[in-house]
């Protein structure tokens, strides 16, 4: 029953596999963007899980406390969230432009219009 204590890692695995499946299996560009966001969230959870230190406290110097948690991974994840939001906005803007140009956001329809010989 040791594996029950590792539920954070199970959440990461489920989110990662769900996001990867959505990216691979779906032809809709919006669904692919959502799948990438789910995959990205799993990486965030994984990185924060690795950064947690059992018994660690905030890095504030107090007499008698010697075990501190490193705040750097949490700061990096905040930066990654901001970058992820910006990339999601850019991806959605591209999806809107693709819809204006092709009349569809389905991958198969776009490929047919680009190469009508197939």
Protein backbone atom coordinates (compact mmCIF):
# COMPACT_ATOMS: atom_id res chain seq x y z
CA UNK A 1 0.00 0.00 0.00
CA UNK A 2 3.05 2.23 -0.31
CA UNK A 3 1.80 3.51 -3.70
CA UNK A 4 -1.31 5.07 -2.12
CA UNK A 5 0.91 7.67 -0.46
CA UNK A 6 2.17 8.80 -3.85
CA UNK A 7 -1.17 10.18 -5.05
CA UNK A 8 0.46 13.37 -6.40
CA UNK A 9 2.42 11.28 -8.89
CA UNK A 10 -0.72 9.37 -9.89
CA UNK A 11 -2.49 12.67 -10.54
CA UNK A 12 0.46 13.77 -12.68
CA UNK A 13 0.38 10.52 -14.68
CA UNK A 14 -3.39 10.70 -15.27
CA UNK A 15 -3.26 14.36 -16.32
CA UNK A 16 -0.25 13.78 -18.57
CA UNK A 17 -1.80 10.80 -20.32
CA UNK A 18 -5.16 12.57 -20.72
CA UNK A 19 -3.50 15.65 -22.20
CA UNK A 20 -1.32 13.60 -24.53
CA UNK A 21 -4.31 11.55 -25.68
CA UNK A 22 -6.32 14.69 -26.43
CA UNK A 23 -3.47 16.21 -28.45
CA UNK A 24 -2.96 13.03 -30.48
CA UNK A 25 -6.54 11.82 -30.94
CA UNK A 26 -8.46 15.03 -31.58
CA UNK A 27 -8.59 16.82 -34.90
CA UNK A 28 -10.15 20.01 -33.57
CA UNK A 29 -7.54 22.73 -32.99
CA UNK A 30 -9.30 24.13 -29.89
CA UNK A 31 -9.36 20.67 -28.32
CA UNK A 32 -5.65 20.29 -29.08
CA UNK A 33 -4.95 23.58 -27.26
CA UNK A 34 -6.95 22.36 -24.27
CA UNK A 35 -5.01 19.08 -24.32
CA UNK A 36 -1.73 21.00 -24.31
CA UNK A 37 -2.95 23.01 -21.31
CA UNK A 38 -3.80 19.81 -19.44
CA UNK A 39 -0.37 18.39 -20.27
CA UNK A 40 1.24 21.63 -19.10
CA UNK A 41 -0.71 21.51 -15.83
CA UNK A 42 0.58 18.00 -15.17
CA UNK A 43 4.15 19.27 -15.55
CA UNK A 44 3.40 22.09 -13.09
CA UNK A 45 2.00 19.65 -10.52
CA UNK A 46 4.98 17.34 -11.00
CA UNK A 47 7.53 20.12 -10.55
CA UNK A 48 5.82 21.47 -7.43
CA UNK A 49 5.55 17.94 -6.01
CA UNK A 50 9.29 17.46 -6.43
CA UNK A 51 9.97 20.79 -4.76
CA UNK A 52 8.05 19.91 -1.59
CA UNK A 53 10.28 18.96 1.29
CA UNK A 54 8.85 16.99 4.22
CA UNK A 55 9.35 19.01 7.37
CA UNK A 56 10.62 22.03 5.46
CA UNK A 57 9.43 25.50 6.40
CA UNK A 58 9.41 28.84 4.66
CA UNK A 59 12.93 30.21 4.11
CA UNK A 60 12.70 32.71 6.96
CA UNK A 61 15.58 32.60 9.41
CA UNK A 62 14.27 31.56 12.82
CA UNK A 63 16.39 30.19 15.64
CA UNK A 64 16.27 26.40 15.88
CA UNK A 65 14.95 25.74 12.37
CA UNK A 66 17.44 24.32 9.91
CA UNK A 67 15.26 22.57 7.32
CA UNK A 68 13.94 25.00 4.71
CA UNK A 69 11.95 24.53 1.53
CA UNK A 70 13.37 26.03 -1.65
CA UNK A 71 11.03 28.74 -3.02
CA UNK A 72 12.69 28.85 -6.46
CA UNK A 73 10.60 26.05 -8.08
CA UNK A 74 7.39 27.78 -7.06
CA UNK A 75 8.58 31.06 -8.56
CA UNK A 76 9.53 29.28 -11.78
CA UNK A 77 6.09 27.69 -11.97
CA UNK A 78 4.44 31.11 -11.58
CA UNK A 79 6.53 32.32 -14.52
CA UNK A 80 5.61 29.21 -16.52
CA UNK A 81 1.91 29.82 -15.83
CA UNK A 82 2.18 33.34 -17.24
CA UNK A 83 4.00 32.06 -20.31
CA UNK A 84 1.40 29.29 -20.69
CA UNK A 85 -1.47 31.77 -20.60
CA UNK A 86 0.24 33.91 -23.24
CA UNK A 87 0.85 30.88 -25.48
CA UNK A 88 -2.75 29.75 -25.05
CA UNK A 89 -3.97 33.19 -26.08
CA UNK A 90 -1.69 33.11 -29.12
CA UNK A 91 -2.88 29.60 -30.04
CA UNK A 92 -6.52 30.65 -29.79
CA UNK A 93 -5.82 33.74 -31.90
CA UNK A 94 -4.21 31.50 -34.54
CA UNK A 95 -7.23 29.19 -34.41
CA UNK A 96 -9.49 32.19 -35.09
CA UNK A 97 -7.35 33.22 -38.06
CA UNK A 98 -7.32 29.66 -39.40
CA UNK A 99 -11.10 29.55 -39.10
CA UNK A 100 -11.36 32.81 -41.02
CA UNK A 101 -9.05 31.52 -43.76
CA UNK A 102 -10.37 27.95 -44.11
CA UNK A 103 -13.85 28.08 -42.63
CA UNK A 104 -13.04 25.24 -40.24
CA UNK A 105 -10.80 24.37 -37.32
CA UNK A 106 -10.82 20.64 -38.05
CA UNK A 107 -7.40 19.37 -39.04
CA UNK A 108 -8.72 17.07 -41.81
CA UNK A 109 -10.72 19.85 -43.49
CA UNK A 110 -7.71 22.15 -43.49
CA UNK A 111 -5.46 19.46 -45.04
CA UNK A 112 -8.04 18.77 -47.76
CA UNK A 113 -8.24 22.45 -48.66
CA UNK A 114 -4.44 22.78 -48.74
CA UNK A 115 -3.92 19.70 -50.94
CA UNK A 116 -7.06 18.91 -52.98
CA UNK A 117 -5.31 16.00 -54.81
CA UNK A 118 -5.62 13.72 -51.76
